[in-house]
Amino acid sequence: QVLEKNGLKRGEDGLKVNMMAELPSNVFLAEEFLEYFDGFSIGSNDLTQLTLGLDRDSGLVAQYFDERNPAVMKGLETLIKAAKAKGKYVGICGQGP
């Protein structure tokens, strides 16, 4: 509705609406979110921080911030597989190794 109010229509002239996937809830409900969006842009920094419950800017715990953590990798895998299974876009932004 907001798009249409502003003269934009999803799918018209190639307009696609992608979602930032940065929260663990985005991982758990990936298939459901893809019903409303044309794909994901995975924010690996925030997804890692929120999956691990760590503040990446805190000197006390920052050394444990690692996108290669198995829980983070599983989340990335889930998002990528869900998008690919539906033939939808998936990209990633962040500073992962």
C-alpha atoms as a PDB file:
ATOM      1  CA  GLN A   1       0.000   0.000   0.000  1.00  0.00           C
ATOM      2  CA  VAL A   2       2.791   2.431   0.864  1.00  0.00           C
ATOM      3  CA  LEU A   3       4.550   1.722  -2.410  1.00  0.00           C
ATOM      4  CA  GLU A   4       1.385   2.182  -4.439  1.00  0.00           C
ATOM      5  CA  LYS A   5       0.575   5.460  -2.652  1.00  0.00           C
ATOM      6  CA  ASN A   6       3.901   6.705  -3.972  1.00  0.00           C
ATOM      7  CA  GLY A   7       3.385   5.516  -7.523  1.00  0.00           C
ATOM      8  CA  LEU A   8       5.442   2.339  -7.206  1.00  0.00           C
ATOM      9  CA  LYS A   9       4.253  -1.166  -7.934  1.00  0.00           C
ATOM     10  CA  ARG A  10       6.249  -4.247  -7.067  1.00  0.00           C
ATOM     11  CA  GLY A  11       7.201  -6.115 -10.232  1.00  0.00           C
ATOM     12  CA  GLU A  12       6.502  -3.141 -12.489  1.00  0.00           C
ATOM     13  CA  ASP A  13       9.531  -1.810 -14.388  1.00  0.00           C
ATOM     14  CA  GLY A  14      11.664  -4.395 -12.605  1.00  0.00           C
ATOM     15  CA  LEU A  15      10.948  -3.073  -9.086  1.00  0.00           C
ATOM     16  CA  LYS A  16      11.828  -5.683  -6.487  1.00  0.00           C
ATOM     17  CA  VAL A  17      11.503  -5.380  -2.736  1.00  0.00           C
ATOM     18  CA  ASN A  18      14.212  -7.128  -0.755  1.00  0.00           C
ATOM     19  CA  MET A  19      14.482  -7.465   2.999  1.00  0.00           C
ATOM     20  CA  MET A  20      17.483  -7.033   5.255  1.00  0.00           C
ATOM     21  CA  ALA A  21      17.893 -10.315   7.138  1.00  0.00           C
ATOM     22  CA  GLU A  22      19.737  -9.387  10.318  1.00  0.00           C
ATOM     23  CA  LEU A  23      17.777 -10.984  13.132  1.00  0.00           C
ATOM     24  CA  PRO A  24      17.582 -14.581  14.319  1.00  0.00           C
ATOM     25  CA  SER A  25      13.803 -14.353  13.803  1.00  0.00           C
ATOM     26  CA  ASN A  26      14.494 -13.745  10.100  1.00  0.00           C
ATOM     27  CA  VAL A  27      16.306 -17.082  10.021  1.00  0.00           C
ATOM     28  CA  PHE A  28      13.560 -18.962  11.868  1.00  0.00           C
ATOM     29  CA  LEU A  29      10.843 -17.521   9.613  1.00  0.00           C
ATOM     30  CA  ALA A  30      12.809 -17.236   6.361  1.00  0.00           C
ATOM     31  CA  GLU A  31      10.216 -19.020   4.230  1.00  0.00           C
ATOM     32  CA  GLU A  32       7.380 -16.930   5.643  1.00  0.00           C
ATOM     33  CA  PHE A  33       9.237 -13.641   5.015  1.00  0.00           C
ATOM     34  CA  LEU A  34       9.877 -14.682   1.419  1.00  0.00           C
ATOM     35  CA  GLU A  35       6.120 -14.706   0.834  1.00  0.00           C
ATOM     36  CA  TYR A  36       6.257 -10.892   1.151  1.00  0.00           C
ATOM     37  CA  PHE A  37       9.692 -10.052  -0.273  1.00  0.00           C
ATOM     38  CA  ASP A  38      11.610 -10.732  -3.468  1.00  0.00           C
ATOM     39  CA  GLY A  39      14.731 -11.769  -1.610  1.00  0.00           C
ATOM     40  CA  PHE A  40      17.178 -11.153   1.199  1.00  0.00           C
ATOM     41  CA  SER A  41      20.209  -9.015   1.765  1.00  0.00           C
ATOM     42  CA  ILE A  42      21.858 -10.713   4.721  1.00  0.00           C
ATOM     43  CA  GLY A  43      23.456  -8.308   7.188  1.00  0.00           C
ATOM     44  CA  SER A  44      26.172 -10.579   8.530  1.00  0.00           C
ATOM     45  CA  ASN A  45      27.463  -8.193  11.211  1.00  0.00           C
ATOM     46  CA  ASP A  46      24.129  -7.733  12.971  1.00  0.00           C
ATOM     47  CA  LEU A  47      23.076 -11.336  12.392  1.00  0.00           C
ATOM     48  CA  THR A  48      26.300 -12.523  14.033  1.00  0.00           C
ATOM     49  CA  GLN A  49      25.999 -10.114  16.954  1.00  0.00           C
ATOM     50  CA  LEU A  50      22.385 -11.009  17.657  1.00  0.00           C
ATOM     51  CA  THR A  51      22.829 -14.752  17.133  1.00  0.00           C
ATOM     52  CA  LEU A  52      25.761 -14.880  19.524  1.00  0.00           C
ATOM     53  CA  GLY A  53      24.385 -12.302  21.969  1.00  0.00           C
ATOM     54  CA  LEU A  54      27.628 -10.326  21.786  1.00  0.00           C
ATOM     55  CA  ASP A  55      28.333  -6.632  21.459  1.00  0.00           C
ATOM     56  CA  ARG A  56      30.973  -6.497  18.731  1.00  0.00           C
ATOM     57  CA  ASP A  57      32.062  -3.073  19.978  1.00  0.00           C
ATOM     58  CA  SER A  58      32.671  -4.182  23.567  1.00  0.00           C
ATOM     59  CA  GLY A  59      36.282  -4.760  24.518  1.00  0.00           C
ATOM     60  CA  LEU A  60      35.088  -7.390  26.985  1.00  0.00           C
ATOM     61  CA  VAL A  61      33.589  -9.806  24.454  1.00  0.00           C
ATOM     62  CA  ALA A  62      34.486  -8.564  20.962  1.00  0.00           C
ATOM     63  CA  GLN A  63      37.131 -11.271  20.550  1.00  0.00           C
ATOM     64  CA  TYR A  64      34.336 -13.873  20.489  1.00  0.00           C
ATOM     65  CA  PHE A  65      32.565 -12.163  17.562  1.00  0.00           C
ATOM     66  CA  ASP A  66      33.121 -14.524  14.640  1.00  0.00           C
ATOM     67  CA  GLU A  67      30.929 -15.046  11.577  1.00  0.00           C
ATOM     68  CA  ARG A  68      32.410 -18.545  11.293  1.00  0.00           C
ATOM     69  CA  ASN A  69      30.672 -19.651  14.498  1.00  0.00           C
ATOM     70  CA  PRO A  70      28.577 -22.771  13.721  1.00  0.00           C
ATOM     71  CA  ALA A  71      25.337 -21.091  14.844  1.00  0.00           C
ATOM     72  CA  VAL A  72      25.938 -18.129  12.534  1.00  0.00           C
ATOM     73  CA  MET A  73      26.934 -20.393   9.648  1.00  0.00           C
ATOM     74  CA  LYS A  74      23.741 -22.409  10.134  1.00  0.00           C
ATOM     75  CA  GLY A  75      21.700 -19.193  10.034  1.00  0.00           C
ATOM     76  CA  LEU A  76      23.406 -18.074   6.838  1.00  0.00           C
ATOM     77  CA  GLU A  77      22.832 -21.493   5.295  1.00  0.00           C
ATOM     78  CA  THR A  78      19.147 -21.439   6.234  1.00  0.00           C
ATOM     79  CA  LEU A  79      18.580 -18.006   4.677  1.00  0.00           C
ATOM     80  CA  ILE A  80      20.482 -18.846   1.491  1.00  0.00           C
ATOM     81  CA  LYS A  81      18.750 -22.206   0.995  1.00  0.00           C
ATOM     82  CA  ALA A  82      15.302 -20.705   1.609  1.00  0.00           C
ATOM     83  CA  ALA A  83      15.858 -17.975  -0.982  1.00  0.00           C
ATOM     84  CA  LYS A  84      17.374 -20.339  -3.539  1.00  0.00           C
ATOM     85  CA  ALA A  85      14.534 -22.858  -3.086  1.00  0.00           C
ATOM     86  CA  LYS A  86      12.038 -20.157  -4.040  1.00  0.00           C
ATOM     87  CA  GLY A  87      14.182 -18.781  -6.858  1.00  0.00           C
ATOM     88  CA  LYS A  88      14.634 -15.487  -5.041  1.00  0.00           C
ATOM     89  CA  TYR A  89      17.556 -13.116  -4.673  1.00  0.00           C
ATOM     90  CA  VAL A  90      20.025 -13.476  -1.833  1.00  0.00           C
ATOM     91  CA  GLY A  91      23.024 -11.260  -1.190  1.00  0.00           C
ATOM     92  CA  ILE A  92      25.233 -10.513   1.771  1.00  0.00           C
ATOM     93  CA  CYS A  93      26.730  -7.381   3.245  1.00  0.00           C
ATOM     94  CA  GLY A  94      29.057  -7.123   6.192  1.00  0.00           C
ATOM     95  CA  GLN A  95      32.632  -7.808   7.076  1.00  0.00           C
ATOM     96  CA  GLY A  96      32.672 -11.582   7.252  1.00  0.00           C
ATOM     97  CA  PRO A  97      35.887 -13.397   6.409  1.00  0.00           C
END
